[in-house]
Structures are given as structure tokens and as C-alpha cells.
C-alpha atoms as a PDB file:
ATOM      1  CA  MET A   1      -9.430  28.568  15.255  1.00  0.00           C
ATOM      2  CA  ASN A   2     -10.608  25.037  14.514  1.00  0.00           C
ATOM      3  CA  THR A   3      -9.017  21.875  15.834  1.00  0.00           C
ATOM      4  CA  THR A   4      -7.505  19.985  12.912  1.00  0.00           C
ATOM      5  CA  ILE A   5      -5.820  16.595  12.583  1.00  0.00           C
ATOM      6  CA  ILE A   6      -2.968  15.832  10.173  1.00  0.00           C
ATOM      7  CA  LEU A   7      -2.268  12.220   9.281  1.00  0.00           C
ATOM      8  CA  ARG A   8       1.317  11.671   8.148  1.00  0.00           C
ATOM      9  CA  ARG A   9       1.523   8.113   6.766  1.00  0.00           C
ATOM     10  CA  LYS A  10       4.841   6.279   6.551  1.00  0.00           C
ATOM     11  CA  GLY A  11       6.748   9.443   7.341  1.00  0.00           C
ATOM     12  CA  TRP A  12       9.725   7.653   8.880  1.00  0.00           C
ATOM     13  CA  ALA A  13      11.247   4.210   8.312  1.00  0.00           C
ATOM     14  CA  SER A  14      12.323   3.710  11.946  1.00  0.00           C
ATOM     15  CA  LYS A  15      12.746   5.347  15.359  1.00  0.00           C
ATOM     16  CA  VAL A  16      16.310   6.227  14.341  1.00  0.00           C
ATOM     17  CA  GLU A  17      15.010   8.104  11.307  1.00  0.00           C
ATOM     18  CA  LEU A  18      12.327   9.753  13.458  1.00  0.00           C
ATOM     19  CA  GLY A  19      15.046  10.919  15.865  1.00  0.00           C
ATOM     20  CA  ALA A  20      16.926  12.406  12.940  1.00  0.00           C
ATOM     21  CA  ALA A  21      13.755  14.289  12.060  1.00  0.00           C
ATOM     22  CA  ALA A  22      14.404  16.679  14.965  1.00  0.00           C
ATOM     23  CA  ALA A  23      15.401  19.294  12.401  1.00  0.00           C
ATOM     24  CA  ALA A  24      11.979  18.986  10.777  1.00  0.00           C
ATOM     25  CA  ALA A  25      10.302  19.388  14.170  1.00  0.00           C
ATOM     26  CA  ALA A  26      12.415  22.478  14.857  1.00  0.00           C
ATOM     27  CA  ARG A  27      11.516  23.878  11.437  1.00  0.00           C
ATOM     28  CA  SER A  28       7.842  23.094  12.127  1.00  0.00           C
ATOM     29  CA  THR A  29       8.064  25.061  15.375  1.00  0.00           C
ATOM     30  CA  GLU A  30       9.824  27.946  13.618  1.00  0.00           C
ATOM     31  CA  VAL A  31       7.235  28.062  10.829  1.00  0.00           C
ATOM     32  CA  GLY A  32       4.467  27.808  13.417  1.00  0.00           C
ATOM     33  CA  GLU A  33       5.838  30.857  15.213  1.00  0.00           C
ATOM     34  CA  GLU A  34       5.888  32.767  11.909  1.00  0.00           C
ATOM     35  CA  MET A  35       2.271  31.714  11.262  1.00  0.00           C
ATOM     36  CA  ALA A  36       1.083  32.118  14.880  1.00  0.00           C
ATOM     37  CA  ALA A  37      -2.027  34.053  13.862  1.00  0.00           C
ATOM     38  CA  ASP A  38      -3.174  31.082  11.753  1.00  0.00           C
ATOM     39  CA  ILE A  39      -1.841  27.876  13.304  1.00  0.00           C
ATOM     40  CA  ARG A  40      -0.837  26.330  16.629  1.00  0.00           C
ATOM     41  CA  TRP A  41       0.730  22.867  17.100  1.00  0.00           C
ATOM     42  CA  ILE A  42      -0.904  21.110  20.062  1.00  0.00           C
ATOM     43  CA  ARG A  43       0.558  17.575  20.106  1.00  0.00           C
ATOM     44  CA  THR A  44       1.700  14.641  18.002  1.00  0.00           C
ATOM     45  CA  TYR A  45       1.122  10.929  18.415  1.00  0.00           C
ATOM     46  CA  VAL A  46       3.716   8.708  16.693  1.00  0.00           C
ATOM     47  CA  LEU A  47       2.123   5.536  15.328  1.00  0.00           C
ATOM     48  CA  ALA A  48       3.728   2.152  14.673  1.00  0.00           C
ATOM     49  CA  GLU A  49       2.603   0.962  11.241  1.00  0.00           C
ATOM     50  CA  GLU A  50       2.202  -2.768  10.532  1.00  0.00           C
ATOM     51  CA  ASN A  51       5.197  -2.705   8.143  1.00  0.00           C
ATOM     52  CA  GLY A  52       7.485  -1.322  10.859  1.00  0.00           C
ATOM     53  CA  SER A  53       7.513   2.257   9.607  1.00  0.00           C
ATOM     54  CA  LEU A  54       6.262   5.138  11.719  1.00  0.00           C
ATOM     55  CA  ALA A  55       3.430   7.520  10.992  1.00  0.00           C
ATOM     56  CA  SER A  56       2.023  10.358  13.036  1.00  0.00           C
ATOM     57  CA  VAL A  57      -1.230  12.015  13.917  1.00  0.00           C
ATOM     58  CA  CYS A  58      -0.718  15.681  14.694  1.00  0.00           C
ATOM     59  CA  VAL A  59      -3.255  17.876  16.448  1.00  0.00           C
ATOM     60  CA  TYR A  60      -3.298  21.540  15.467  1.00  0.00           C
ATOM     61  CA  GLN A  61      -5.533  24.520  15.896  1.00  0.00           C
ATOM     62  CA  ALA A  62      -5.757  26.484  12.681  1.00  0.00           C
ATOM     63  CA  THR A  63      -7.828  29.042  10.846  1.00  0.00           C
ATOM     64  CA  SER A  64      -8.171  26.725   7.830  1.00  0.00           C
ATOM     65  CA  ALA A  65      -7.048  23.424   6.325  1.00  0.00           C
ATOM     66  CA  ASP A  66      -5.143  25.447   3.720  1.00  0.00           C
ATOM     67  CA  LYS A  67      -3.039  27.045   6.479  1.00  0.00           C
ATOM     68  CA  VAL A  68      -2.286  23.576   7.878  1.00  0.00           C
ATOM     69  CA  ARG A  69      -1.116  22.411   4.444  1.00  0.00           C
ATOM     70  CA  GLU A  70       0.908  25.619   3.971  1.00  0.00           C
ATOM     71  CA  HIS A  71       2.592  25.045   7.330  1.00  0.00           C
ATOM     72  CA  ALA A  72       3.447  21.441   6.409  1.00  0.00           C
ATOM     73  CA  ASP A  73       4.859  22.516   3.028  1.00  0.00           C
ATOM     74  CA  CYS A  74       6.999  25.236   4.600  1.00  0.00           C
ATOM     75  CA  ALA A  75       8.265  22.828   7.282  1.00  0.00           C
ATOM     76  CA  GLY A  76       9.038  20.115   4.718  1.00  0.00           C
ATOM     77  CA  LEU A  77       6.632  17.624   6.288  1.00  0.00           C
ATOM     78  CA  PRO A  78       4.016  15.408   4.648  1.00  0.00           C
ATOM     79  CA  ALA A  79       0.327  16.096   5.217  1.00  0.00           C
ATOM     80  CA  ASP A  80      -1.396  13.080   3.705  1.00  0.00           C
ATOM     81  CA  ASP A  81      -4.794  13.878   5.218  1.00  0.00           C
ATOM     82  CA  VAL A  82      -5.958  17.098   6.866  1.00  0.00           C
ATOM     83  CA  ILE A  83      -9.233  16.642   8.731  1.00  0.00           C
ATOM     84  CA  GLN A  84     -11.209  19.148  10.793  1.00  0.00           C
ATOM     85  CA  VAL A  85     -12.347  17.821  14.182  1.00  0.00           C
ATOM     86  CA  ALA A  86     -16.128  17.967  14.549  1.00  0.00           C
ATOM     87  CA  ASP A  87     -16.247  17.378  18.306  1.00  0.00           C
ATOM     88  CA  LEU A  88     -14.156  16.212  21.262  1.00  0.00           C
ATOM     89  CA  ILE A  89     -15.030  13.586  23.853  1.00  0.00           C
ATOM     90  CA  VAL A  90     -12.524  13.271  26.696  1.00  0.00           C
ATOM     91  CA  VAL A  91     -12.943  10.137  28.806  1.00  0.00           C
ATOM     92  CA  ALA A  92      -9.597  10.530  30.593  1.00  0.00           C
ATOM     93  CA  PRO A  93      -6.531  12.717  30.096  1.00  0.00           C
ATOM     94  CA  ASP A  94      -3.750  11.417  27.864  1.00  0.00           C
ATOM     95  CA  PRO A  95      -1.443   9.160  29.866  1.00  0.00           C
ATOM     96  CA  GLU A  96       2.149  10.286  30.216  1.00  0.00           C
ATOM     97  CA  SER A  97       4.330   8.194  27.950  1.00  0.00           C
ATOM     98  CA  ALA A  98       7.612   6.709  29.138  1.00  0.00           C
ATOM     99  CA  ALA A  99       9.394   8.818  26.513  1.00  0.00           C
ATOM    100  CA  SER A 100       8.062  12.086  27.914  1.00  0.00           C
ATOM    101  CA  ALA A 101       8.546  11.271  31.608  1.00  0.00           C
ATOM    102  CA  PRO A 102      11.258  13.337  33.353  1.00  0.00           C
END
């Protein structure tokens, strides 16, 4: 599987709307389990756009960009750009965000 990035631009108008998108995240997980041979969701970074809306960058491992797009379609999520990662440089591990702290 290749590491692939999905850019979802202006997916949500606010944090409230993002919170309501829990159903989409659950559906994404469900679809991912059905497509487990072809795709694996690794993590998502939620981005604050300049206009106040929220976007996301999602990291997946997948057998192809087409499978990533198929997963997004089945989960009802946008996939504005699907980009294969050429290499990884880790300077430090991702910091734990306040939202994910226990």
C-alpha cells in the first residue's frame, strides 16, 4: 500500500458543523472496514481556513488513488485532491493536541 494524502477544502463551515460530521466519520470507518484490503485511514488534521471554514488533510494507506476516491464517495466525503506521498521525513513525532488528550 502507498501512503496517500486527501485534501478536503472547505468541508465544514465551523467546529459545530465538524462535530455534526461524526456520522460521516463513522461511515468513513465503516466503509474503510469493508475496503480493508485496499485502504486504511491513518489520521486527519483539521485545518482552519482564512475564511473561518474548516478543511482537512487526511493520511491514508491505499492500493491506489482510485480506491481513495471510491472510499470518499462511499462515505459521502469530499476528496478535492488525492496525492501520493513520495517520501516521509520525521523530525519529531506529532504533538498531542489538547482535543485528543485524555
